[in-house]
Amino acid sequence: MTQVRTPVTGFELTWTDGGPPEDDAVWLPAVVPGGVHESLLEAGRIEHPYSDDNEHGLGWVHDATWWYRTRFSCDAGVLRFDGLDTAAE
């Protein structure tokens, strides 16, 4: 059985060279669930990485540190994250 994931709204992402984002960072709408490439493609910032040789110009995506943000309120005592990839704080 395939699980269908409903898109989540209100998330944004930005990139840095390693440290936290500056106050004037450019934040783009994030595709959630999804990855950086999907968000950049949706925002018109990159060409589709699987078309032609576009992937060769996308090394900067892998070299950047990516930051996501959103706001929410929660009355529950437990906050659960499903599907976080790699490291998260």
PDB file of N, CA and C in Angstrom:
ATOM      1  N   MET A   1       0.842  -1.184   0.000  1.00  0.00           N
ATOM      2  CA  MET A   1       0.000   0.000   0.000  1.00  0.00           C
ATOM      3  C   MET A   1       0.883   1.240   0.000  1.00  0.00           C
ATOM      4  N   THR A   2       0.638   2.151  -0.903  1.00  0.00           N
ATOM      5  CA  THR A   2       1.397   3.393  -0.996  1.00  0.00           C
ATOM      6  C   THR A   2       0.737   4.456  -0.135  1.00  0.00           C
ATOM      7  N   GLN A   3       1.565   5.115   0.671  1.00  0.00           N
ATOM      8  CA  GLN A   3       1.040   6.186   1.513  1.00  0.00           C
ATOM      9  C   GLN A   3       1.036   7.484   0.712  1.00  0.00           C
ATOM     10  N   VAL A   4      -0.093   8.165   0.680  1.00  0.00           N
ATOM     11  CA  VAL A   4      -0.206   9.439  -0.012  1.00  0.00           C
ATOM     12  C   VAL A   4       0.043  10.540   1.001  1.00  0.00           C
ATOM     13  N   ARG A   5       0.973  11.411   0.686  1.00  0.00           N
ATOM     14  CA  ARG A   5       1.287  12.511   1.591  1.00  0.00           C
ATOM     15  C   ARG A   5       0.641  13.790   1.086  1.00  0.00           C
ATOM     16  N   THR A   6      -0.051  14.452   1.962  1.00  0.00           N
ATOM     17  CA  THR A   6      -0.708  15.701   1.626  1.00  0.00           C
ATOM     18  C   THR A   6       0.309  16.834   1.705  1.00  0.00           C
ATOM     19  N   PRO A   7       0.397  17.680   0.674  1.00  0.00           N
ATOM     20  CA  PRO A   7       1.322  18.817   0.746  1.00  0.00           C
ATOM     21  C   PRO A   7       1.009  19.694   1.958  1.00  0.00           C
ATOM     22  N   VAL A   8       2.057  20.202   2.560  1.00  0.00           N
ATOM     23  CA  VAL A   8       1.942  21.062   3.726  1.00  0.00           C
ATOM     24  C   VAL A   8       2.293  22.478   3.290  1.00  0.00           C
ATOM     25  N   THR A   9       1.520  23.453   3.712  1.00  0.00           N
ATOM     26  CA  THR A   9       1.789  24.836   3.331  1.00  0.00           C
ATOM     27  C   THR A   9       2.448  25.580   4.486  1.00  0.00           C
ATOM     28  N   GLY A  10       3.046  26.708   4.173  1.00  0.00           N
ATOM     29  CA  GLY A  10       3.609  27.581   5.197  1.00  0.00           C
ATOM     30  C   GLY A  10       5.096  27.394   5.447  1.00  0.00           C
ATOM     31  N   PHE A  11       5.732  26.426   4.789  1.00  0.00           N
ATOM     32  CA  PHE A  11       7.168  26.234   4.952  1.00  0.00           C
ATOM     33  C   PHE A  11       7.925  27.080   3.935  1.00  0.00           C
ATOM     34  N   GLU A  12       9.089  27.552   4.338  1.00  0.00           N
ATOM     35  CA  GLU A  12       9.983  28.303   3.458  1.00  0.00           C
ATOM     36  C   GLU A  12      11.380  27.725   3.592  1.00  0.00           C
ATOM     37  N   LEU A  13      12.228  27.972   2.585  1.00  0.00           N
ATOM     38  CA  LEU A  13      13.613  27.562   2.682  1.00  0.00           C
ATOM     39  C   LEU A  13      14.525  28.627   2.123  1.00  0.00           C
ATOM     40  N   THR A  14      15.766  28.600   2.596  1.00  0.00           N
ATOM     41  CA  THR A  14      16.825  29.483   2.110  1.00  0.00           C
ATOM     42  C   THR A  14      18.129  28.721   2.207  1.00  0.00           C
ATOM     43  N   TRP A  15      19.204  29.290   1.710  1.00  0.00           N
ATOM     44  CA  TRP A  15      20.495  28.618   1.704  1.00  0.00           C
ATOM     45  C   TRP A  15      21.581  29.570   2.185  1.00  0.00           C
ATOM     46  N   THR A  16      22.637  28.966   2.733  1.00  0.00           N
ATOM     47  CA  THR A  16      23.803  29.730   3.175  1.00  0.00           C
ATOM     48  C   THR A  16      25.053  28.938   2.819  1.00  0.00           C
ATOM     49  N   ASP A  17      26.198  29.542   3.113  1.00  0.00           N
ATOM     50  CA  ASP A  17      27.470  28.844   2.931  1.00  0.00           C
ATOM     51  C   ASP A  17      27.843  28.029   4.159  1.00  0.00           C
ATOM     52  N   GLY A  18      26.971  27.968   5.142  1.00  0.00           N
ATOM     53  CA  GLY A  18      27.246  27.142   6.316  1.00  0.00           C
ATOM     54  C   GLY A  18      26.621  27.650   7.591  1.00  0.00           C
ATOM     55  N   GLY A  19      26.707  28.943   7.851  1.00  0.00           N
ATOM     56  CA  GLY A  19      26.158  29.503   9.080  1.00  0.00           C
ATOM     57  C   GLY A  19      24.672  29.768   8.949  1.00  0.00           C
ATOM     58  N   PRO A  20      24.078  30.278  10.020  1.00  0.00           N
ATOM     59  CA  PRO A  20      22.643  30.590   9.962  1.00  0.00           C
ATOM     60  C   PRO A  20      22.344  31.702   8.959  1.00  0.00           C
ATOM     61  N   PRO A  21      21.117  31.775   8.484  1.00  0.00           N
ATOM     62  CA  PRO A  21      20.745  32.811   7.514  1.00  0.00           C
ATOM     63  C   PRO A  21      20.844  34.215   8.118  1.00  0.00           C
ATOM     64  N   GLU A  22      21.211  35.166   7.278  1.00  0.00           N
ATOM     65  CA  GLU A  22      21.228  36.573   7.666  1.00  0.00           C
ATOM     66  C   GLU A  22      19.793  37.099   7.719  1.00  0.00           C
ATOM     67  N   ASP A  23      19.611  38.237   8.359  1.00  0.00           N
ATOM     68  CA  ASP A  23      18.270  38.825   8.459  1.00  0.00           C
ATOM     69  C   ASP A  23      17.662  39.147   7.096  1.00  0.00           C
ATOM     70  N   ASP A  24      18.514  39.438   6.099  1.00  0.00           N
ATOM     71  CA  ASP A  24      18.013  39.799   4.773  1.00  0.00           C
ATOM     72  C   ASP A  24      18.004  38.608   3.797  1.00  0.00           C
ATOM     73  N   ALA A  25      18.051  37.392   4.319  1.00  0.00           N
ATOM     74  CA  ALA A  25      18.061  36.195   3.470  1.00  0.00           C
ATOM     75  C   ALA A  25      16.804  36.144   2.611  1.00  0.00           C
ATOM     76  N   VAL A  26      16.949  35.582   1.419  1.00  0.00           N
ATOM     77  CA  VAL A  26      15.825  35.375   0.516  1.00  0.00           C
ATOM     78  C   VAL A  26      15.200  34.029   0.864  1.00  0.00           C
ATOM     79  N   TRP A  27      13.938  34.040   1.270  1.00  0.00           N
ATOM     80  CA  TRP A  27      13.211  32.819   1.614  1.00  0.00           C
ATOM     81  C   TRP A  27      12.243  32.494   0.491  1.00  0.00           C
ATOM     82  N   LEU A  28      12.241  31.245   0.059  1.00  0.00           N
ATOM     83  CA  LEU A  28      11.350  30.771  -1.002  1.00  0.00           C
ATOM     84  C   LEU A  28      10.317  29.818  -0.417  1.00  0.00           C
ATOM     85  N   PRO A  29       9.130  29.739  -1.012  1.00  0.00           N
ATOM     86  CA  PRO A  29       8.166  28.733  -0.558  1.00  0.00           C
ATOM     87  C   PRO A  29       8.777  27.340  -0.730  1.00  0.00           C
ATOM     88  N   ALA A  30       8.608  26.484   0.263  1.00  0.00           N
ATOM     89  CA  ALA A  30       9.164  25.129   0.222  1.00  0.00           C
ATOM     90  C   ALA A  30       8.080  24.116  -0.105  1.00  0.00           C
ATOM     91  N   VAL A  31       8.438  23.146  -0.923  1.00  0.00           N
ATOM     92  CA  VAL A  31       7.555  22.032  -1.227  1.00  0.00           C
ATOM     93  C   VAL A  31       7.745  20.997  -0.123  1.00  0.00           C
ATOM     94  N   VAL A  32       6.708  20.779   0.682  1.00  0.00           N
ATOM     95  CA  VAL A  32       6.776  19.860   1.816  1.00  0.00           C
ATOM     96  C   VAL A  32       5.559  18.950   1.773  1.00  0.00           C
ATOM     97  N   PRO A  33       5.703  17.614   1.776  1.00  0.00           N
ATOM     98  CA  PRO A  33       6.994  16.939   1.767  1.00  0.00           C
ATOM     99  C   PRO A  33       7.655  17.084   0.406  1.00  0.00           C
ATOM    100  N   GLY A  34       8.940  17.061   0.417  1.00  0.00           N
ATOM    101  CA  GLY A  34       9.724  17.222  -0.801  1.00  0.00           C
ATOM    102  C   GLY A  34      11.139  17.585  -0.438  1.00  0.00           C
ATOM    103  N   GLY A  35      11.909  17.909  -1.423  1.00  0.00           N
ATOM    104  CA  GLY A  35      13.306  18.247  -1.216  1.00  0.00           C
ATOM    105  C   GLY A  35      13.630  19.612  -1.781  1.00  0.00           C
ATOM    106  N   VAL A  36      14.890  19.978  -1.637  1.00  0.00           N
ATOM    107  CA  VAL A  36      15.365  21.280  -2.095  1.00  0.00           C
ATOM    108  C   VAL A  36      15.155  21.438  -3.600  1.00  0.00           C
ATOM    109  N   HIS A  37      15.500  20.410  -4.365  1.00  0.00           N
ATOM    110  CA  HIS A  37      15.359  20.515  -5.815  1.00  0.00           C
ATOM    111  C   HIS A  37      13.909  20.790  -6.225  1.00  0.00           C
ATOM    112  N   GLU A  38      12.968  20.117  -5.593  1.00  0.00           N
ATOM    113  CA  GLU A  38      11.555  20.333  -5.918  1.00  0.00           C
ATOM    114  C   GLU A  38      11.142  21.774  -5.626  1.00  0.00           C
ATOM    115  N   SER A  39      11.620  22.316  -4.509  1.00  0.00           N
ATOM    116  CA  SER A  39      11.288  23.691  -4.138  1.00  0.00           C
ATOM    117  C   SER A  39      11.904  24.691  -5.105  1.00  0.00           C
ATOM    118  N   LEU A  40      13.160  24.489  -5.470  1.00  0.00           N
ATOM    119  CA  LEU A  40      13.833  25.396  -6.405  1.00  0.00           C
ATOM    120  C   LEU A  40      13.184  25.331  -7.785  1.00  0.00           C
ATOM    121  N   LEU A  41      12.798  24.143  -8.203  1.00  0.00           N
ATOM    122  CA  LEU A  41      12.132  23.967  -9.490  1.00  0.00           C
ATOM    123  C   LEU A  41      10.780  24.678  -9.487  1.00  0.00           C
ATOM    124  N   GLU A  42      10.007  24.488  -8.428  1.00  0.00           N
ATOM    125  CA  GLU A  42       8.685  25.129  -8.309  1.00  0.00           C
ATOM    126  C   GLU A  42       8.796  26.652  -8.294  1.00  0.00           C
ATOM    127  N   ALA A  43       9.867  27.175  -7.686  1.00  0.00           N
ATOM    128  CA  ALA A  43      10.075  28.627  -7.597  1.00  0.00           C
ATOM    129  C   ALA A  43      10.711  29.207  -8.856  1.00  0.00           C
ATOM    130  N   GLY A  44      11.020  28.357  -9.839  1.00  0.00           N
ATOM    131  CA  GLY A  44      11.619  28.836 -11.077  1.00  0.00           C
ATOM    132  C   GLY A  44      13.086  29.207 -10.944  1.00  0.00           C
ATOM    133  N   ARG A  45      13.760  28.703  -9.910  1.00  0.00           N
ATOM    134  CA  ARG A  45      15.172  29.034  -9.676  1.00  0.00           C
ATOM    135  C   ARG A  45      16.130  28.101 -10.399  1.00  0.00           C
ATOM    136  N   ILE A  46      15.662  26.906 -10.795  1.00  0.00           N
ATOM    137  CA  ILE A  46      16.498  25.976 -11.544  1.00  0.00           C
ATOM    138  C   ILE A  46      15.670  25.352 -12.655  1.00  0.00           C
ATOM    139  N   GLU A  47      16.368  24.843 -13.661  1.00  0.00           N
ATOM    140  CA  GLU A  47      15.733  24.026 -14.691  1.00  0.00           C
ATOM    141  C   GLU A  47      15.632  22.605 -14.147  1.00  0.00           C
ATOM    142  N   HIS A  48      14.778  21.797 -14.727  1.00  0.00           N
ATOM    143  CA  HIS A  48      14.596  20.439 -14.230  1.00  0.00           C
ATOM    144  C   HIS A  48      15.925  19.676 -14.290  1.00  0.00           C
ATOM    145  N   PRO A  49      16.369  19.134 -13.158  1.00  0.00           N
ATOM    146  CA  PRO A  49      17.682  18.480 -13.117  1.00  0.00           C
ATOM    147  C   PRO A  49      17.784  17.225 -13.980  1.00  0.00           C
ATOM    148  N   TYR A  50      16.667  16.616 -14.370  1.00  0.00           N
ATOM    149  CA  TYR A  50      16.707  15.410 -15.183  1.00  0.00           C
ATOM    150  C   TYR A  50      16.571  15.708 -16.672  1.00  0.00           C
ATOM    151  N   SER A  51      16.480  16.976 -17.059  1.00  0.00           N
ATOM    152  CA  SER A  51      16.403  17.355 -18.469  1.00  0.00           C
ATOM    153  C   SER A  51      17.788  17.717 -18.984  1.00  0.00           C
ATOM    154  N   ASP A  52      18.070  17.252 -20.191  1.00  0.00           N
ATOM    155  CA  ASP A  52      19.342  17.548 -20.849  1.00  0.00           C
ATOM    156  C   ASP A  52      20.497  17.319 -19.886  1.00  0.00           C
ATOM    157  N   ASP A  53      21.408  18.281 -19.805  1.00  0.00           N
ATOM    158  CA  ASP A  53      22.546  18.149 -18.879  1.00  0.00           C
ATOM    159  C   ASP A  53      22.440  19.171 -17.742  1.00  0.00           C
ATOM    160  N   ASN A  54      21.207  19.543 -17.375  1.00  0.00           N
ATOM    161  CA  ASN A  54      20.980  20.552 -16.338  1.00  0.00           C
ATOM    162  C   ASN A  54      21.628  20.201 -15.007  1.00  0.00           C
ATOM    163  N   GLU A  55      21.709  18.905 -14.681  1.00  0.00           N
ATOM    164  CA  GLU A  55      22.263  18.520 -13.391  1.00  0.00           C
ATOM    165  C   GLU A  55      23.707  18.981 -13.225  1.00  0.00           C
ATOM    166  N   HIS A  56      24.420  19.171 -14.313  1.00  0.00           N
ATOM    167  CA  HIS A  56      25.823  19.582 -14.226  1.00  0.00           C
ATOM    168  C   HIS A  56      25.997  21.000 -13.692  1.00  0.00           C
ATOM    169  N   GLY A  57      24.980  21.812 -13.800  1.00  0.00           N
ATOM    170  CA  GLY A  57      25.051  23.181 -13.293  1.00  0.00           C
ATOM    171  C   GLY A  57      24.466  23.343 -11.901  1.00  0.00           C
ATOM    172  N   LEU A  58      24.137  22.228 -11.234  1.00  0.00           N
ATOM    173  CA  LEU A  58      23.458  22.310  -9.944  1.00  0.00           C
ATOM    174  C   LEU A  58      24.335  21.892  -8.769  1.00  0.00           C
ATOM    175  N   GLY A  59      25.627  21.878  -8.955  1.00  0.00           N
ATOM    176  CA  GLY A  59      26.522  21.518  -7.858  1.00  0.00           C
ATOM    177  C   GLY A  59      26.373  22.431  -6.653  1.00  0.00           C
ATOM    178  N   TRP A  60      26.025  23.684  -6.897  1.00  0.00           N
ATOM    179  CA  TRP A  60      25.861  24.637  -5.798  1.00  0.00           C
ATOM    180  C   TRP A  60      24.754  24.204  -4.842  1.00  0.00           C
ATOM    181  N   VAL A  61      23.751  23.472  -5.346  1.00  0.00           N
ATOM    182  CA  VAL A  61      22.653  23.011  -4.494  1.00  0.00           C
ATOM    183  C   VAL A  61      23.196  22.050  -3.441  1.00  0.00           C
ATOM    184  N   HIS A  62      24.094  21.187  -3.836  1.00  0.00           N
ATOM    185  CA  HIS A  62      24.673  20.209  -2.913  1.00  0.00           C
ATOM    186  C   HIS A  62      25.688  20.846  -1.970  1.00  0.00           C
ATOM    187  N   ASP A  63      26.323  21.919  -2.411  1.00  0.00           N
ATOM    188  CA  ASP A  63      27.340  22.582  -1.589  1.00  0.00           C
ATOM    189  C   ASP A  63      26.743  23.508  -0.534  1.00  0.00           C
ATOM    190  N   ALA A  64      25.515  23.946  -0.732  1.00  0.00           N
ATOM    191  CA  ALA A  64      24.876  24.906   0.183  1.00  0.00           C
ATOM    192  C   ALA A  64      24.345  24.202   1.429  1.00  0.00           C
ATOM    193  N   THR A  65      24.179  24.990   2.491  1.00  0.00           N
ATOM    194  CA  THR A  65      23.481  24.542   3.693  1.00  0.00           C
ATOM    195  C   THR A  65      22.068  25.073   3.589  1.00  0.00           C
ATOM    196  N   TRP A  66      21.086  24.194   3.722  1.00  0.00           N
ATOM    197  CA  TRP A  66      19.682  24.555   3.513  1.00  0.00           C
ATOM    198  C   TRP A  66      18.962  24.689   4.828  1.00  0.00           C
ATOM    199  N   TRP A  67      18.141  25.722   4.943  1.00  0.00           N
ATOM    200  CA  TRP A  67      17.380  26.033   6.153  1.00  0.00           C
ATOM    201  C   TRP A  67      15.903  26.096   5.809  1.00  0.00           C
ATOM    202  N   TYR A  68      15.102  25.455   6.614  1.00  0.00           N
ATOM    203  CA  TYR A  68      13.648  25.506   6.475  1.00  0.00           C
ATOM    204  C   TYR A  68      13.071  26.218   7.688  1.00  0.00           C
ATOM    205  N   ARG A  69      11.941  26.887   7.484  1.00  0.00           N
ATOM    206  CA  ARG A  69      11.254  27.504   8.614  1.00  0.00           C
ATOM    207  C   ARG A  69       9.749  27.482   8.380  1.00  0.00           C
ATOM    208  N   THR A  70       9.036  27.526   9.484  1.00  0.00           N
ATOM    209  CA  THR A  70       7.588  27.646   9.477  1.00  0.00           C
ATOM    210  C   THR A  70       7.167  28.107  10.860  1.00  0.00           C
ATOM    211  N   ARG A  71       5.936  28.472  11.008  1.00  0.00           N
ATOM    212  CA  ARG A  71       5.370  28.831  12.308  1.00  0.00           C
ATOM    213  C   ARG A  71       4.162  27.937  12.556  1.00  0.00           C
ATOM    214  N   PHE A  72       3.987  27.566  13.811  1.00  0.00           N
ATOM    215  CA  PHE A  72       2.831  26.764  14.170  1.00  0.00           C
ATOM    216  C   PHE A  72       2.594  26.897  15.663  1.00  0.00           C
ATOM    217  N   SER A  73       1.408  26.546  16.078  1.00  0.00           N
ATOM    218  CA  SER A  73       1.106  26.478  17.504  1.00  0.00           C
ATOM    219  C   SER A  73       0.768  25.029  17.820  1.00  0.00           C
ATOM    220  N   CYS A  74       1.043  24.655  19.040  1.00  0.00           N
ATOM    221  CA  CYS A  74       0.851  23.262  19.416  1.00  0.00           C
ATOM    222  C   CYS A  74       0.441  23.192  20.876  1.00  0.00           C
ATOM    223  N   ASP A  75      -0.708  22.588  21.131  1.00  0.00           N
ATOM    224  CA  ASP A  75      -1.171  22.410  22.497  1.00  0.00           C
ATOM    225  C   ASP A  75      -0.729  21.072  23.078  1.00  0.00           C
ATOM    226  N   ALA A  76      -0.334  20.155  22.223  1.00  0.00           N
ATOM    227  CA  ALA A  76       0.040  18.817  22.676  1.00  0.00           C
ATOM    228  C   ALA A  76       1.403  18.843  23.366  1.00  0.00           C
ATOM    229  N   GLY A  77       1.657  17.855  24.168  1.00  0.00           N
ATOM    230  CA  GLY A  77       2.924  17.760  24.881  1.00  0.00           C
ATOM    231  C   GLY A  77       4.029  17.103  24.079  1.00  0.00           C
ATOM    232  N   VAL A  78       3.713  16.548  22.906  1.00  0.00           N
ATOM    233  CA  VAL A  78       4.695  15.835  22.103  1.00  0.00           C
ATOM    234  C   VAL A  78       4.682  16.410  20.692  1.00  0.00           C
ATOM    235  N   LEU A  79       5.858  16.685  20.182  1.00  0.00           N
ATOM    236  CA  LEU A  79       6.011  17.152  18.809  1.00  0.00           C
ATOM    237  C   LEU A  79       6.740  16.055  18.048  1.00  0.00           C
ATOM    238  N   ARG A  80       6.124  15.541  16.994  1.00  0.00           N
ATOM    239  CA  ARG A  80       6.681  14.408  16.258  1.00  0.00           C
ATOM    240  C   ARG A  80       7.031  14.827  14.840  1.00  0.00           C
ATOM    241  N   PHE A  81       8.231  14.467  14.404  1.00  0.00           N
ATOM    242  CA  PHE A  81       8.671  14.739  13.038  1.00  0.00           C
ATOM    243  C   PHE A  81       8.838  13.416  12.306  1.00  0.00           C
ATOM    244  N   ASP A  82       8.166  13.266  11.197  1.00  0.00           N
ATOM    245  CA  ASP A  82       8.317  12.092  10.349  1.00  0.00           C
ATOM    246  C   ASP A  82       9.066  12.490   9.084  1.00  0.00           C
ATOM    247  N   GLY A  83      10.054  11.718   8.724  1.00  0.00           N
ATOM    248  CA  GLY A  83      10.701  11.913   7.449  1.00  0.00           C
ATOM    249  C   GLY A  83      11.800  12.953   7.399  1.00  0.00           C
ATOM    250  N   LEU A  84      12.371  13.352   8.529  1.00  0.00           N
ATOM    251  CA  LEU A  84      13.498  14.269   8.474  1.00  0.00           C
ATOM    252  C   LEU A  84      14.689  13.548   7.866  1.00  0.00           C
ATOM    253  N   ASP A  85      15.389  14.229   6.993  1.00  0.00           N
ATOM    254  CA  ASP A  85      16.514  13.618   6.291  1.00  0.00           C
ATOM    255  C   ASP A  85      17.810  14.215   6.803  1.00  0.00           C
ATOM    256  N   THR A  86      18.782  13.380   7.067  1.00  0.00           N
ATOM    257  CA  THR A  86      20.119  13.773   7.493  1.00  0.00           C
ATOM    258  C   THR A  86      20.059  14.386   8.878  1.00  0.00           C
ATOM    259  N   ALA A  87      20.541  15.614   9.048  1.00  0.00           N
ATOM    260  CA  ALA A  87      20.600  16.235  10.368  1.00  0.00           C
ATOM    261  C   ALA A  87      19.539  17.318  10.488  1.00  0.00           C
ATOM    262  N   ALA A  88      18.989  17.464  11.669  1.00  0.00           N
ATOM    263  CA  ALA A  88      17.977  18.488  11.905  1.00  0.00           C
ATOM    264  C   ALA A  88      18.057  18.938  13.356  1.00  0.00           C
ATOM    265  N   GLU A  89      17.773  20.209  13.585  1.00  0.00           N
ATOM    266  CA  GLU A  89      17.704  20.760  14.946  1.00  0.00           C
ATOM    267  C   GLU A  89      16.338  21.357  15.148  1.00  0.00           C
TER     268      GLU A  89
END
